[in-house]
């Protein structure tokens, strides 16, 4: 539990959730405000995935992340995996939608300050041990307990021992890639490429679940859980890697970031959110990021 503030005065706006105490304000998102985001999602990535599938059809039943090893049953050899990033890059000039996505993820927005992004990466490694501990237990393992996340994982085999371990390794690898260096997070860097692959993977998972739900409505309740991997879930995911770490994981380990460190670290994950097709408005400042982070939901 984070260290309690002995000078805090509780009132009717004081909230406590999972050992975290905060003041509710008009800027916090209400359930009514969050509900529409359960039904909005990254349409562009899904449209592009459909086009990429026509260019290079996927192996039946395989998600992009599972195609690193595809044995050739007849010859006993491994088939080369399908690289969605390379397909997008190589065909972006041939299709309007592919070009739109390619331009989006390679355009450096006005709010990106590379010096600040670099400082944000340094924050991660400055507190590396505590960061990885917090991410493991409150973001990766903790995320598996979230209701909507659970519904998606259960329908993609995400709770099998092999899949859960692979998901933890792949997510940790992605975190290390986006924090590796400034060059890694710039367009064409390992973190940038990894983020685009994750974005297209999410589109594939979403499309598969929706297709099965269309055939059998009882398979997945869109009304109850929203569109799989929707905007609200995506915002929450970025939050588990940034705001949860800053205001929950670190304090519980006795670490309290300086204001500049918080600003820089939020800026880093705002950029990652942009690459992933996640709404970035909620990470425009530490204040907005903190208020969009609602531990009680």
Protein backbone atom coordinates (compact mmCIF):
# COMPACT_ATOMS: atom_id res chain seq x y z
CA UNK A 1 0.00 0.00 0.00
CA UNK A 2 1.22 3.53 -0.78
CA UNK A 3 2.27 5.61 2.18
CA UNK A 4 -0.79 7.43 3.62
CA UNK A 5 -0.81 11.21 3.82
CA UNK A 6 -1.26 12.09 7.53
CA UNK A 7 -2.43 15.60 6.58
CA UNK A 8 -5.20 14.49 4.20
CA UNK A 9 -8.70 15.61 5.10
CA UNK A 10 -11.46 13.44 3.70
CA UNK A 11 -14.75 14.88 2.47
CA UNK A 12 -17.70 13.81 0.31
CA UNK A 13 -15.46 13.83 -2.79
CA UNK A 14 -12.78 11.56 -1.31
CA UNK A 15 -12.55 8.18 -2.99
CA UNK A 16 -10.55 5.10 -2.03
CA UNK A 17 -9.96 2.24 -4.41
CA UNK A 18 -7.44 -0.59 -4.11
CA UNK A 19 -5.49 1.26 -1.44
CA UNK A 20 -5.32 4.49 -3.44
CA UNK A 21 -7.04 7.61 -2.12
CA UNK A 22 -7.90 10.57 -4.35
CA UNK A 23 -10.29 13.50 -4.69
CA UNK A 24 -13.09 13.19 -7.25
CA UNK A 25 -13.41 16.28 -9.46
CA UNK A 26 -15.69 17.36 -12.32
CA UNK A 27 -12.80 16.56 -14.70
CA UNK A 28 -12.85 12.86 -13.80
CA UNK A 29 -14.63 10.69 -16.36
CA UNK A 30 -18.02 9.39 -15.28
CA UNK A 31 -19.43 6.03 -16.34
CA UNK A 32 -21.76 7.82 -18.76
CA UNK A 33 -18.82 9.63 -20.35
CA UNK A 34 -16.78 6.46 -20.68
CA UNK A 35 -19.51 4.27 -22.15
CA UNK A 36 -19.30 5.61 -25.76
CA UNK A 37 -15.59 4.76 -25.79
CA UNK A 38 -16.48 1.09 -25.31
CA UNK A 39 -17.92 1.15 -28.83
CA UNK A 40 -15.30 3.25 -30.64
CA UNK A 41 -12.06 1.69 -31.83
CA UNK A 42 -9.16 1.86 -34.30
CA UNK A 43 -11.15 1.50 -37.53
CA UNK A 44 -8.22 2.47 -39.76
CA UNK A 45 -6.02 -0.41 -38.58
CA UNK A 46 -8.83 -2.90 -39.20
CA UNK A 47 -9.44 -1.56 -42.70
CA UNK A 48 -5.73 -1.83 -43.45
CA UNK A 49 -5.54 -5.37 -42.08
CA UNK A 50 -8.26 -6.43 -44.53
CA UNK A 51 -6.23 -4.99 -47.39
CA UNK A 52 -3.01 -6.62 -46.19
CA UNK A 53 -4.79 -9.97 -45.98
CA UNK A 54 -5.67 -9.67 -49.67
CA UNK A 55 -2.07 -8.90 -50.54
CA UNK A 56 -0.69 -11.73 -48.40
CA UNK A 57 -3.40 -14.10 -47.09
CA UNK A 58 -2.81 -15.29 -43.51
CA UNK A 59 -2.52 -18.91 -42.56
CA UNK A 60 -5.99 -20.11 -41.58
CA UNK A 61 -6.75 -19.57 -37.89
CA UNK A 62 -3.43 -17.91 -37.10
CA UNK A 63 -3.08 -14.51 -35.44
CA UNK A 64 -0.06 -12.40 -36.52
CA UNK A 65 1.82 -13.01 -33.25
CA UNK A 66 1.58 -16.79 -33.71
CA UNK A 67 3.12 -16.88 -37.16
CA UNK A 68 6.78 -16.71 -36.25
CA UNK A 69 7.01 -20.48 -36.74
CA UNK A 70 4.88 -22.10 -39.41
CA UNK A 71 6.13 -25.64 -40.15
CA UNK A 72 5.76 -26.97 -43.65
CA UNK A 73 4.01 -30.29 -43.10
CA UNK A 74 5.12 -31.78 -46.42
CA UNK A 75 8.79 -30.86 -46.40
CA UNK A 76 9.35 -30.52 -42.65
CA UNK A 77 10.64 -26.99 -43.14
CA UNK A 78 9.56 -23.72 -41.60
CA UNK A 79 7.68 -21.25 -43.76
CA UNK A 80 8.72 -17.59 -43.47
CA UNK A 81 6.40 -15.62 -41.23
CA UNK A 82 4.13 -12.87 -42.53
CA UNK A 83 5.52 -9.46 -41.54
CA UNK A 84 2.57 -7.05 -41.41
CA UNK A 85 4.83 -4.05 -40.86
CA UNK A 86 6.87 -4.85 -43.98
CA UNK A 87 3.69 -5.42 -45.98
CA UNK A 88 2.31 -2.06 -44.85
CA UNK A 89 5.57 -0.29 -45.65
CA UNK A 90 6.01 -1.89 -49.07
CA UNK A 91 2.43 -1.36 -50.25
CA UNK A 92 1.58 1.97 -48.62
CA UNK A 93 1.94 3.80 -51.94
CA UNK A 94 -0.45 1.42 -53.72
CA UNK A 95 -3.55 1.80 -51.54
CA UNK A 96 -5.22 4.90 -50.10
CA UNK A 97 -5.99 3.36 -46.69
CA UNK A 98 -2.56 1.78 -46.32
CA UNK A 99 -1.04 5.13 -47.25
CA UNK A 100 -3.19 6.88 -44.66
CA UNK A 101 -2.03 4.58 -41.86
CA UNK A 102 1.60 4.73 -42.99
CA UNK A 103 1.53 8.53 -43.04
CA UNK A 104 -0.18 8.66 -39.64
CA UNK A 105 2.40 6.52 -37.84
CA UNK A 106 5.34 8.25 -39.54
CA UNK A 107 4.19 11.83 -38.99
CA UNK A 108 5.86 13.56 -36.06
CA UNK A 109 3.19 15.61 -34.30
CA UNK A 110 3.79 19.13 -32.99
CA UNK A 111 3.73 18.07 -29.34
CA UNK A 112 6.58 15.57 -29.74
CA UNK A 113 9.80 16.84 -28.13
CA UNK A 114 12.52 14.24 -28.67
CA UNK A 115 14.62 15.51 -25.77
CA UNK A 116 11.61 15.07 -23.51
CA UNK A 117 10.90 11.61 -24.95
CA UNK A 118 14.50 10.66 -24.20
CA UNK A 119 14.16 11.88 -20.63
CA UNK A 120 10.99 9.81 -20.30
CA UNK A 121 12.92 6.74 -21.38
CA UNK A 122 15.59 7.53 -18.81
CA UNK A 123 12.93 7.60 -16.08
CA UNK A 124 12.06 4.00 -16.87
CA UNK A 125 15.65 2.79 -16.50
CA UNK A 126 16.42 5.06 -13.55
CA UNK A 127 13.88 3.06 -11.56
CA UNK A 128 14.16 -0.09 -13.68
CA UNK A 129 13.80 -2.71 -10.96
CA UNK A 130 10.77 -1.05 -9.40
CA UNK A 131 9.30 -0.35 -12.84
CA UNK A 132 9.51 -3.97 -13.97
CA UNK A 133 8.13 -5.18 -10.64
CA UNK A 134 5.17 -2.80 -10.90
CA UNK A 135 4.54 -3.65 -14.54
CA UNK A 136 4.67 -7.38 -13.84
CA UNK A 137 2.30 -7.46 -10.90
CA UNK A 138 -0.03 -4.52 -11.55
CA UNK A 139 0.01 -4.09 -15.32
CA UNK A 140 0.62 -7.49 -16.91
CA UNK A 141 -0.70 -9.92 -14.30
CA UNK A 142 -3.07 -7.34 -12.84
CA UNK A 143 -4.45 -6.57 -16.28
CA UNK A 144 -5.49 -10.19 -16.67
CA UNK A 145 -8.04 -9.61 -13.92
CA UNK A 146 -9.84 -6.73 -15.66
CA UNK A 147 -13.32 -7.79 -16.80
CA UNK A 148 -13.20 -6.71 -20.45
CA UNK A 149 -9.57 -7.79 -20.86
CA UNK A 150 -10.48 -11.19 -19.42
CA UNK A 151 -13.27 -11.63 -21.95
CA UNK A 152 -10.90 -10.98 -24.85
CA UNK A 153 -8.08 -13.16 -23.50
CA UNK A 154 -10.43 -16.05 -22.78
CA UNK A 155 -11.57 -16.05 -26.40
CA UNK A 156 -8.07 -16.04 -27.84
CA UNK A 157 -6.58 -18.73 -25.61
CA UNK A 158 -4.79 -16.10 -23.55
CA UNK A 159 -5.11 -17.98 -20.26
CA UNK A 160 -3.31 -21.12 -21.32
CA UNK A 161 0.09 -21.50 -19.64
CA UNK A 162 1.97 -21.14 -22.91
CA UNK A 163 -0.04 -18.16 -24.15
CA UNK A 164 0.04 -16.27 -20.84
CA UNK A 165 3.81 -16.65 -20.60
CA UNK A 166 4.30 -15.62 -24.22
CA UNK A 167 2.04 -12.59 -23.74
CA UNK A 168 4.08 -11.45 -20.74
CA UNK A 169 7.35 -11.89 -22.62
CA UNK A 170 6.08 -10.11 -25.74
CA UNK A 171 4.62 -7.20 -23.78
CA UNK A 172 7.81 -6.82 -21.75
CA UNK A 173 9.82 -6.90 -24.97
CA UNK A 174 7.65 -4.16 -26.44
CA UNK A 175 8.16 -2.00 -23.34
CA UNK A 176 11.93 -2.47 -23.55
CA UNK A 177 11.89 -1.62 -27.26
CA UNK A 178 9.99 1.67 -26.86
CA UNK A 179 12.23 2.73 -23.96
CA UNK A 180 15.53 1.58 -25.48
CA UNK A 181 16.65 4.87 -27.06
CA UNK A 182 15.37 7.90 -28.94
CA UNK A 183 16.29 6.27 -32.25
CA UNK A 184 14.30 3.18 -31.28
CA UNK A 185 11.09 5.17 -30.78
CA UNK A 186 11.51 7.31 -33.89
CA UNK A 187 9.89 6.15 -37.17
CA UNK A 188 11.73 3.09 -38.42
CA UNK A 189 13.15 2.23 -34.99
CA UNK A 190 12.55 -1.05 -33.19
CA UNK A 191 10.03 0.46 -30.76
CA UNK A 192 8.14 2.19 -33.56
CA UNK A 193 7.97 -0.98 -35.67
CA UNK A 194 6.96 -3.09 -32.68
CA UNK A 195 4.13 -0.67 -31.84
CA UNK A 196 2.70 -0.85 -35.36
CA UNK A 197 2.81 -4.65 -35.27
CA UNK A 198 0.95 -4.61 -31.94
CA UNK A 199 -1.62 -2.26 -33.46
CA UNK A 200 -2.28 -4.63 -36.36
CA UNK A 201 -2.36 -7.61 -33.98
CA UNK A 202 -5.08 -5.89 -31.96
CA UNK A 203 -7.04 -5.35 -35.17
CA UNK A 204 -6.75 -9.06 -36.00
CA UNK A 205 -7.94 -10.12 -32.54
CA UNK A 206 -10.84 -7.68 -32.66
CA UNK A 207 -11.94 -8.82 -36.11
CA UNK A 208 -11.79 -12.50 -35.18
CA UNK A 209 -13.91 -12.09 -32.04
CA UNK A 210 -16.49 -9.92 -33.82
CA UNK A 211 -16.76 -12.43 -36.67
CA UNK A 212 -17.38 -15.29 -34.25
CA UNK A 213 -19.85 -13.18 -32.24
CA UNK A 214 -21.76 -12.46 -35.44
CA UNK A 215 -22.13 -16.19 -36.10
CA UNK A 216 -22.94 -16.97 -32.47
CA UNK A 217 -24.09 -13.93 -30.41
CA UNK A 218 -23.64 -15.78 -27.11
CA UNK A 219 -19.91 -16.12 -27.84
CA UNK A 220 -19.20 -12.50 -26.87
CA UNK A 221 -21.55 -9.78 -25.57
CA UNK A 222 -20.83 -6.52 -27.37
CA UNK A 223 -23.54 -4.75 -25.38
CA UNK A 224 -21.95 -5.72 -22.06
CA UNK A 225 -18.24 -5.53 -22.87
CA UNK A 226 -18.15 -3.22 -25.87
CA UNK A 227 -16.10 -3.75 -29.02
CA UNK A 228 -13.03 -5.91 -28.25
CA UNK A 229 -9.91 -3.78 -27.68
CA UNK A 230 -11.92 -0.55 -27.83
CA UNK A 231 -10.73 3.00 -27.19
CA UNK A 232 -11.53 2.82 -23.48
CA UNK A 233 -9.55 -0.40 -23.09
CA UNK A 234 -6.66 1.04 -25.10
CA UNK A 235 -6.55 4.19 -22.96
CA UNK A 236 -6.58 2.03 -19.83
CA UNK A 237 -3.75 -0.10 -21.23
CA UNK A 238 -1.53 2.92 -21.82
CA UNK A 239 -2.47 3.99 -18.31
CA UNK A 240 -1.24 0.73 -16.80
CA UNK A 241 2.19 1.40 -18.30
CA UNK A 242 2.31 5.05 -17.24
CA UNK A 243 -0.15 6.44 -14.70
CA UNK A 244 -0.49 3.22 -12.69
CA UNK A 245 3.28 3.04 -12.42
CA UNK A 246 3.64 6.70 -11.40
CA UNK A 247 0.87 6.98 -8.82
CA UNK A 248 0.44 3.43 -7.56
CA UNK A 249 3.32 1.04 -8.27
CA UNK A 250 6.20 3.39 -7.51
CA UNK A 251 4.73 4.90 -4.30
CA UNK A 252 4.01 1.41 -2.97
CA UNK A 253 7.74 0.77 -3.32
CA UNK A 254 8.66 4.06 -1.67
CA UNK A 255 9.44 5.92 -4.91
CA UNK A 256 7.87 9.32 -5.64
CA UNK A 257 8.77 10.86 -9.00
CA UNK A 258 9.65 14.52 -9.38
CA UNK A 259 7.15 16.64 -11.38
CA UNK A 260 9.49 16.85 -14.38
CA UNK A 261 9.99 13.09 -14.38
CA UNK A 262 6.23 12.58 -14.40
CA UNK A 263 5.75 15.02 -17.29
CA UNK A 264 8.49 13.36 -19.34
CA UNK A 265 7.30 9.82 -18.69
CA UNK A 266 3.69 10.68 -19.61
CA UNK A 267 4.96 12.30 -22.84
CA UNK A 268 6.76 9.08 -23.79
CA UNK A 269 3.63 6.98 -23.43
CA UNK A 270 1.53 9.57 -25.23
CA UNK A 271 3.76 8.99 -28.26
CA UNK A 272 3.41 5.21 -27.91
CA UNK A 273 -0.37 5.70 -27.72
CA UNK A 274 -0.23 7.63 -31.00
CA UNK A 275 1.60 4.78 -32.72
CA UNK A 276 -0.92 2.26 -31.32
CA UNK A 277 -3.94 4.20 -32.56
CA UNK A 278 -5.04 5.09 -29.03
CA UNK A 279 -6.63 8.51 -28.31
CA UNK A 280 -3.82 10.72 -27.01
CA UNK A 281 -5.83 13.64 -25.60
CA UNK A 282 -6.02 12.00 -22.20
CA UNK A 283 -2.21 11.99 -21.96
CA UNK A 284 -1.65 15.60 -23.00
CA UNK A 285 -0.51 16.47 -19.46
CA UNK A 286 0.09 14.72 -16.13
CA UNK A 287 -3.11 16.30 -14.77
CA UNK A 288 -5.31 14.96 -17.58
CA UNK A 289 -3.60 11.57 -17.48
CA UNK A 290 -4.15 11.28 -13.74
CA UNK A 291 -7.83 12.23 -13.98
CA UNK A 292 -8.47 9.76 -16.79
CA UNK A 293 -6.91 7.09 -14.60
CA UNK A 294 -9.82 5.87 -12.50
CA UNK A 295 -8.81 3.04 -10.16
CA UNK A 296 -12.42 2.41 -9.17
CA UNK A 297 -13.59 1.43 -12.66
